[in-house]
Amino acid sequence: MKWFSCTFLLISAIYLVAGCKSGGPSAPPLAKVSGTVNLDGKPMAGGEVRFNAAGQAPKTLEVKDGAFSGEVFTGKNVVEVVLEKEGPPHPMDPNTKLKVNVISDKFWGANSTLSADVPASGASDLKFEVTSKK
């Protein structure tokens, strides 16, 4: 019985010192990026650029006067561009307006055709040309 107690205590101490590691993959490192977004050939006044790395929460960067900058995950990212404007009344509350993305569907959501392969050193020359919904 004493042998069992000592063995149990020894194994417990090893786990406490070593710690438990989760078996899941770790997030890729972050890198600084910057660039521009043109909407219908002109710098996009506002909105967002979203960088989506597989298995990670999106990194959202604000667009101001056509420019954006911030940190995103390295590697392959699907990129979305969003510019929301006030839309129709909310069906449950007519005093509230819904927000509607005015960017063409091919540049956001699951259909986005935009991408960026972000190296560990970052990227400072990203350019995205998008169009409005017609």
Protein backbone atom coordinates (compact mmCIF):
# COMPACT_ATOMS: atom_id res chain seq x y z
CA MET A 1 0.00 0.00 0.00
CA LYS A 2 2.87 2.34 0.82
CA TRP A 3 4.45 1.62 -2.57
CA PHE A 4 1.16 2.56 -4.34
CA SER A 5 0.92 5.87 -2.40
CA CYS A 6 4.52 6.82 -3.19
CA THR A 7 4.08 5.97 -6.87
CA PHE A 8 0.87 8.01 -7.06
CA LEU A 9 2.55 11.02 -5.39
CA LEU A 10 5.56 10.78 -7.70
CA ILE A 11 3.43 10.64 -10.85
CA SER A 12 1.29 13.55 -9.59
CA ALA A 13 4.41 15.63 -8.92
CA ILE A 14 5.74 14.95 -12.44
CA TYR A 15 2.45 16.15 -13.99
CA LEU A 16 2.46 19.27 -11.84
CA VAL A 17 6.04 20.17 -12.72
CA ALA A 18 5.76 19.34 -16.42
CA GLY A 19 2.28 20.78 -16.84
CA CYS A 20 -0.36 19.53 -19.19
CA LYS A 21 -0.08 20.48 -22.83
CA SER A 22 -3.15 20.75 -24.96
CA GLY A 23 -3.06 18.57 -28.02
CA GLY A 24 -4.48 21.30 -30.28
CA PRO A 25 -2.41 23.22 -32.80
CA SER A 26 -1.08 26.59 -31.73
CA ALA A 27 -2.07 29.78 -33.53
CA PRO A 28 0.27 30.97 -36.28
CA PRO A 29 2.43 33.98 -35.40
CA LEU A 30 1.26 37.50 -36.15
CA ALA A 31 2.87 39.86 -38.66
CA LYS A 32 2.35 43.54 -39.46
CA VAL A 33 0.55 44.36 -42.67
CA SER A 34 -0.56 47.54 -44.37
CA GLY A 35 -2.04 48.46 -47.69
CA THR A 36 -4.84 50.11 -49.59
CA VAL A 37 -8.41 49.39 -50.64
CA ASN A 38 -9.99 50.99 -53.70
CA LEU A 39 -13.75 50.89 -54.16
CA ASP A 40 -14.84 51.45 -57.75
CA GLY A 41 -11.39 52.85 -58.56
CA LYS A 42 -11.23 55.35 -55.65
CA PRO A 43 -9.83 55.02 -52.11
CA MET A 44 -12.51 53.48 -49.88
CA ALA A 45 -13.43 56.11 -47.25
CA GLY A 46 -14.15 53.69 -44.38
CA GLY A 47 -15.04 50.10 -43.68
CA GLU A 48 -13.03 47.03 -42.75
CA VAL A 49 -10.64 44.47 -44.17
CA ARG A 50 -10.92 41.04 -42.54
CA PHE A 51 -8.10 38.50 -42.73
CA ASN A 52 -9.24 34.91 -42.20
CA ALA A 53 -6.55 32.29 -41.51
CA ALA A 54 -7.85 28.70 -41.39
CA GLY A 55 -8.91 27.65 -37.91
CA GLN A 56 -8.45 31.13 -36.39
CA ALA A 57 -10.77 33.99 -35.52
CA PRO A 58 -10.66 36.71 -38.20
CA LYS A 59 -8.40 39.71 -37.72
CA THR A 60 -10.29 42.90 -38.60
CA LEU A 61 -8.45 46.06 -39.68
CA GLU A 62 -10.15 49.43 -40.04
CA VAL A 63 -9.98 51.23 -43.39
CA LYS A 64 -9.56 55.03 -43.32
CA ASP A 65 -9.21 57.05 -46.49
CA GLY A 66 -8.35 53.89 -48.42
CA ALA A 67 -5.56 52.74 -46.08
CA PHE A 68 -5.36 49.98 -43.45
CA SER A 69 -2.68 48.59 -41.13
CA GLY A 70 -2.40 46.18 -38.23
CA GLU A 71 -1.40 42.64 -37.29
CA VAL A 72 -2.78 39.48 -38.87
CA PHE A 73 -1.88 35.79 -38.82
CA THR A 74 0.96 34.70 -41.08
CA GLY A 75 0.33 32.31 -43.94
CA LYS A 76 -2.62 32.01 -46.30
CA ASN A 77 -5.54 34.33 -45.47
CA VAL A 78 -8.87 34.70 -47.21
CA VAL A 79 -9.58 38.44 -47.26
CA GLU A 80 -12.98 40.11 -47.02
CA VAL A 81 -13.81 43.79 -47.54
CA VAL A 82 -16.85 45.21 -45.76
CA LEU A 83 -18.42 48.67 -46.02
CA GLU A 84 -21.75 48.85 -44.23
CA LYS A 85 -24.38 51.48 -44.91
CA GLU A 86 -27.80 52.02 -43.41
CA GLY A 87 -30.33 49.76 -45.08
CA PRO A 88 -34.05 49.02 -44.80
CA PRO A 89 -36.00 49.10 -41.54
CA HIS A 90 -35.51 46.16 -39.18
CA PRO A 91 -38.53 43.82 -39.53
CA MET A 92 -38.90 43.49 -35.74
CA ASP A 93 -38.27 47.17 -34.96
CA PRO A 94 -39.23 49.63 -37.73
CA ASN A 95 -37.47 52.44 -35.82
CA THR A 96 -34.12 50.69 -36.33
CA LYS A 97 -32.35 50.35 -39.68
CA LEU A 98 -30.46 47.22 -40.75
CA LYS A 99 -26.81 47.50 -41.81
CA VAL A 100 -26.09 46.37 -45.37
CA ASN A 101 -22.69 45.65 -46.94
CA VAL A 102 -22.44 47.67 -50.17
CA ILE A 103 -19.43 45.69 -51.47
CA SER A 104 -20.03 43.14 -54.25
CA ASP A 105 -20.64 39.62 -52.90
CA LYS A 106 -17.49 38.28 -54.58
CA PHE A 107 -15.31 40.27 -52.15
CA TRP A 108 -16.72 39.14 -48.78
CA GLY A 109 -18.09 36.08 -47.02
CA ALA A 110 -17.62 32.53 -48.22
CA ASN A 111 -17.50 33.74 -51.84
CA SER A 112 -14.53 36.11 -51.42
CA THR A 113 -12.02 35.89 -54.25
CA LEU A 114 -9.46 37.97 -52.34
CA SER A 115 -6.49 36.43 -50.54
CA ALA A 116 -3.14 37.34 -49.04
CA ASP A 117 -0.18 35.10 -48.27
CA VAL A 118 1.40 36.92 -45.31
CA PRO A 119 5.09 36.12 -44.68
CA ALA A 120 6.61 36.20 -41.18
CA SER A 121 8.30 39.50 -42.09
CA GLY A 122 4.88 41.06 -42.81
CA ALA A 123 3.65 42.90 -45.87
CA SER A 124 3.42 46.63 -46.52
CA ASP A 125 2.12 46.74 -50.08
CA LEU A 126 -1.20 44.88 -50.05
CA LYS A 127 -3.70 46.27 -52.56
CA PHE A 128 -7.33 45.27 -52.89
CA GLU A 129 -9.57 46.50 -55.71
CA VAL A 130 -13.27 45.97 -55.02
CA THR A 131 -16.53 47.08 -56.59
CA SER A 132 -19.95 48.06 -55.26
CA LYS A 133 -23.01 45.87 -55.57
CA LYS A 134 -24.83 46.71 -58.78
